[in-house]
Amino acid sequence: MPDSDVLIATEAAALLGISVPTLYDYVSRGMLSSSPDAQERHRLYDAGEVRRLARPRPKANARARSRKKC
């Protein structure tokens, strides 16, 4: 990942509107990946991947209702 396309944990969590511990949960559940920085002291998150995850998605109930109408 190029340096300009990465976020640190606090930036990624803020973009997603979640806490840093929840961000770590996302990584452990395979919803998001991370990689160590050059000094291996911090985790870095791909900005594009975080933005894709941050995109609003239709709620499950709305999807179910739209299927019933067809």
N, C-alpha and C. Protein backbone atom coordinates (compact mmCIF):
# COMPACT_ATOMS: atom_id res chain seq x y z
N MET A 1 0.85 -1.19 0.00
CA MET A 1 0.00 0.00 0.00
C MET A 1 0.88 1.24 0.00
N PRO A 2 0.72 2.14 -0.93
CA PRO A 2 1.49 3.38 -0.90
C PRO A 2 1.11 4.20 0.33
N ASP A 3 2.08 4.93 0.89
CA ASP A 3 1.86 5.68 2.12
C ASP A 3 0.69 6.66 2.03
N SER A 4 0.48 7.30 0.88
CA SER A 4 -0.57 8.30 0.77
C SER A 4 -1.96 7.67 0.77
N ASP A 5 -2.04 6.38 0.56
CA ASP A 5 -3.32 5.69 0.50
C ASP A 5 -3.63 4.88 1.74
N VAL A 6 -3.00 5.23 2.85
CA VAL A 6 -3.23 4.50 4.09
C VAL A 6 -3.70 5.43 5.19
N LEU A 7 -4.38 4.83 6.14
CA LEU A 7 -4.88 5.56 7.30
C LEU A 7 -4.38 4.87 8.57
N ILE A 8 -4.20 5.64 9.62
CA ILE A 8 -3.92 5.03 10.91
C ILE A 8 -5.25 4.67 11.55
N ALA A 9 -5.22 3.92 12.63
CA ALA A 9 -6.44 3.40 13.25
C ALA A 9 -7.44 4.49 13.61
N THR A 10 -6.98 5.59 14.21
CA THR A 10 -7.93 6.64 14.60
C THR A 10 -8.59 7.28 13.40
N GLU A 11 -7.85 7.44 12.30
CA GLU A 11 -8.42 8.02 11.08
C GLU A 11 -9.44 7.07 10.45
N ALA A 12 -9.07 5.79 10.38
CA ALA A 12 -9.98 4.80 9.79
C ALA A 12 -11.26 4.68 10.62
N ALA A 13 -11.12 4.64 11.93
CA ALA A 13 -12.29 4.54 12.81
C ALA A 13 -13.19 5.76 12.66
N ALA A 14 -12.59 6.94 12.59
CA ALA A 14 -13.38 8.17 12.44
C ALA A 14 -14.13 8.17 11.11
N LEU A 15 -13.49 7.75 10.04
CA LEU A 15 -14.13 7.70 8.74
C LEU A 15 -15.32 6.73 8.73
N LEU A 16 -15.18 5.65 9.47
CA LEU A 16 -16.24 4.66 9.55
C LEU A 16 -17.30 5.01 10.59
N GLY A 17 -17.00 5.97 11.46
CA GLY A 17 -17.94 6.34 12.51
C GLY A 17 -18.02 5.30 13.61
N ILE A 18 -16.90 4.65 13.89
CA ILE A 18 -16.85 3.60 14.91
C ILE A 18 -15.68 3.88 15.85
N SER A 19 -15.60 3.13 16.93
CA SER A 19 -14.48 3.26 17.86
C SER A 19 -13.29 2.44 17.36
N VAL A 20 -12.12 2.73 17.89
CA VAL A 20 -10.92 1.98 17.51
C VAL A 20 -11.07 0.50 17.89
N PRO A 21 -11.60 0.17 19.09
CA PRO A 21 -11.79 -1.26 19.39
C PRO A 21 -12.72 -1.95 18.37
N THR A 22 -13.74 -1.26 17.89
CA THR A 22 -14.63 -1.84 16.89
C THR A 22 -13.88 -2.02 15.58
N LEU A 23 -13.00 -1.09 15.24
CA LEU A 23 -12.16 -1.23 14.05
C LEU A 23 -11.34 -2.52 14.15
N TYR A 24 -10.76 -2.77 15.31
CA TYR A 24 -9.99 -4.00 15.50
C TYR A 24 -10.88 -5.23 15.35
N ASP A 25 -12.14 -5.13 15.81
CA ASP A 25 -13.09 -6.23 15.62
C ASP A 25 -13.32 -6.49 14.14
N TYR A 26 -13.46 -5.41 13.36
CA TYR A 26 -13.66 -5.55 11.92
C TYR A 26 -12.50 -6.33 11.30
N VAL A 27 -11.28 -6.02 11.73
CA VAL A 27 -10.10 -6.72 11.20
C VAL A 27 -10.14 -8.19 11.61
N SER A 28 -10.45 -8.46 12.87
CA SER A 28 -10.46 -9.85 13.34
C SER A 28 -11.56 -10.67 12.68
N ARG A 29 -12.64 -10.02 12.23
CA ARG A 29 -13.74 -10.71 11.54
C ARG A 29 -13.53 -10.80 10.04
N GLY A 30 -12.44 -10.23 9.55
CA GLY A 30 -12.13 -10.29 8.13
C GLY A 30 -12.86 -9.26 7.28
N MET A 31 -13.48 -8.28 7.90
CA MET A 31 -14.21 -7.25 7.17
C MET A 31 -13.27 -6.19 6.61
N LEU A 32 -12.07 -6.09 7.18
CA LEU A 32 -11.11 -5.06 6.84
C LEU A 32 -9.72 -5.64 7.08
N SER A 33 -8.76 -5.24 6.26
CA SER A 33 -7.40 -5.73 6.46
C SER A 33 -6.51 -4.59 6.96
N SER A 34 -5.41 -4.98 7.58
CA SER A 34 -4.44 -4.00 8.04
C SER A 34 -3.05 -4.55 7.82
N SER A 35 -2.07 -3.66 7.85
CA SER A 35 -0.68 -4.07 7.69
C SER A 35 0.17 -3.24 8.64
N PRO A 36 1.33 -3.75 9.03
CA PRO A 36 2.19 -2.99 9.94
C PRO A 36 2.87 -1.83 9.22
N ASP A 37 3.17 -0.77 9.98
CA ASP A 37 3.95 0.32 9.41
C ASP A 37 5.41 -0.12 9.34
N ALA A 38 6.27 0.72 8.81
CA ALA A 38 7.67 0.36 8.60
C ALA A 38 8.39 -0.02 9.89
N GLN A 39 8.01 0.61 10.99
CA GLN A 39 8.64 0.30 12.28
C GLN A 39 7.90 -0.80 13.03
N GLU A 40 6.81 -1.30 12.45
CA GLU A 40 5.98 -2.34 13.04
C GLU A 40 5.45 -1.95 14.42
N ARG A 41 5.16 -0.65 14.60
CA ARG A 41 4.60 -0.16 15.87
C ARG A 41 3.11 0.11 15.76
N HIS A 42 2.64 0.36 14.55
CA HIS A 42 1.24 0.71 14.33
C HIS A 42 0.69 -0.10 13.17
N ARG A 43 -0.63 -0.19 13.11
CA ARG A 43 -1.30 -0.84 11.99
C ARG A 43 -1.78 0.23 11.03
N LEU A 44 -1.73 -0.07 9.74
CA LEU A 44 -2.18 0.85 8.71
C LEU A 44 -3.34 0.20 7.96
N TYR A 45 -4.26 1.03 7.51
CA TYR A 45 -5.48 0.56 6.85
C TYR A 45 -5.57 1.21 5.47
N ASP A 46 -5.86 0.41 4.46
CA ASP A 46 -5.99 0.90 3.10
C ASP A 46 -7.17 1.87 3.02
N ALA A 47 -6.91 3.10 2.60
CA ALA A 47 -7.94 4.14 2.57
C ALA A 47 -9.10 3.76 1.66
N GLY A 48 -8.82 3.17 0.51
CA GLY A 48 -9.88 2.76 -0.40
C GLY A 48 -10.77 1.69 0.19
N GLU A 49 -10.17 0.74 0.88
CA GLU A 49 -10.93 -0.32 1.52
C GLU A 49 -11.83 0.25 2.62
N VAL A 50 -11.29 1.19 3.39
CA VAL A 50 -12.07 1.83 4.44
C VAL A 50 -13.23 2.62 3.83
N ARG A 51 -12.97 3.35 2.76
CA ARG A 51 -14.05 4.13 2.11
C ARG A 51 -15.14 3.23 1.56
N ARG A 52 -14.76 2.08 0.98
CA ARG A 52 -15.77 1.15 0.47
C ARG A 52 -16.63 0.62 1.61
N LEU A 53 -16.01 0.32 2.72
CA LEU A 53 -16.75 -0.18 3.87
C LEU A 53 -17.64 0.91 4.47
N ALA A 54 -17.23 2.16 4.33
CA ALA A 54 -17.97 3.28 4.89
C ALA A 54 -19.19 3.65 4.06
N ARG A 55 -19.25 3.19 2.80
CA ARG A 55 -20.39 3.53 1.93
C ARG A 55 -21.69 3.05 2.55
N PRO A 56 -22.71 3.90 2.53
CA PRO A 56 -24.00 3.47 3.06
C PRO A 56 -24.59 2.34 2.22
N ARG A 57 -25.14 1.37 2.90
CA ARG A 57 -25.79 0.25 2.24
C ARG A 57 -27.25 0.21 2.66
N PRO A 58 -28.14 -0.28 1.81
CA PRO A 58 -29.54 -0.38 2.21
C PRO A 58 -29.68 -1.31 3.41
N LYS A 59 -30.59 -0.98 4.29
CA LYS A 59 -30.82 -1.82 5.46
C LYS A 59 -31.50 -3.11 5.03
N ALA A 60 -31.30 -4.15 5.81
CA ALA A 60 -31.85 -5.47 5.49
C ALA A 60 -33.36 -5.41 5.33
N ASN A 61 -34.06 -4.69 6.19
CA ASN A 61 -35.52 -4.61 6.10
C ASN A 61 -35.96 -3.96 4.80
N ALA A 62 -35.26 -2.94 4.37
CA ALA A 62 -35.60 -2.25 3.12
C ALA A 62 -35.41 -3.19 1.94
N ARG A 63 -34.35 -3.98 1.95
CA ARG A 63 -34.12 -4.94 0.86
C ARG A 63 -35.21 -5.99 0.85
N ALA A 64 -35.61 -6.49 2.02
CA ALA A 64 -36.65 -7.51 2.10
C ALA A 64 -37.97 -6.97 1.60
N ARG A 65 -38.32 -5.73 1.97
CA ARG A 65 -39.57 -5.13 1.51
C ARG A 65 -39.58 -4.96 0.00
N SER A 66 -38.43 -4.55 -0.56
CA SER A 66 -38.39 -4.33 -2.01
C SER A 66 -38.53 -5.65 -2.76
N ARG A 67 -38.07 -6.75 -2.20
CA ARG A 67 -38.21 -8.05 -2.84
C ARG A 67 -39.66 -8.52 -2.81
N LYS A 68 -40.36 -8.21 -1.74
CA LYS A 68 -41.75 -8.64 -1.61
C LYS A 68 -42.65 -7.94 -2.61
N LYS A 69 -42.30 -6.72 -3.03
CA LYS A 69 -43.12 -5.95 -3.95
C LYS A 69 -43.07 -6.50 -5.37
N CYS A 70 -42.04 -7.21 -5.71
CA CYS A 70 -41.87 -7.69 -7.08
C CYS A 70 -42.84 -8.78 -7.42
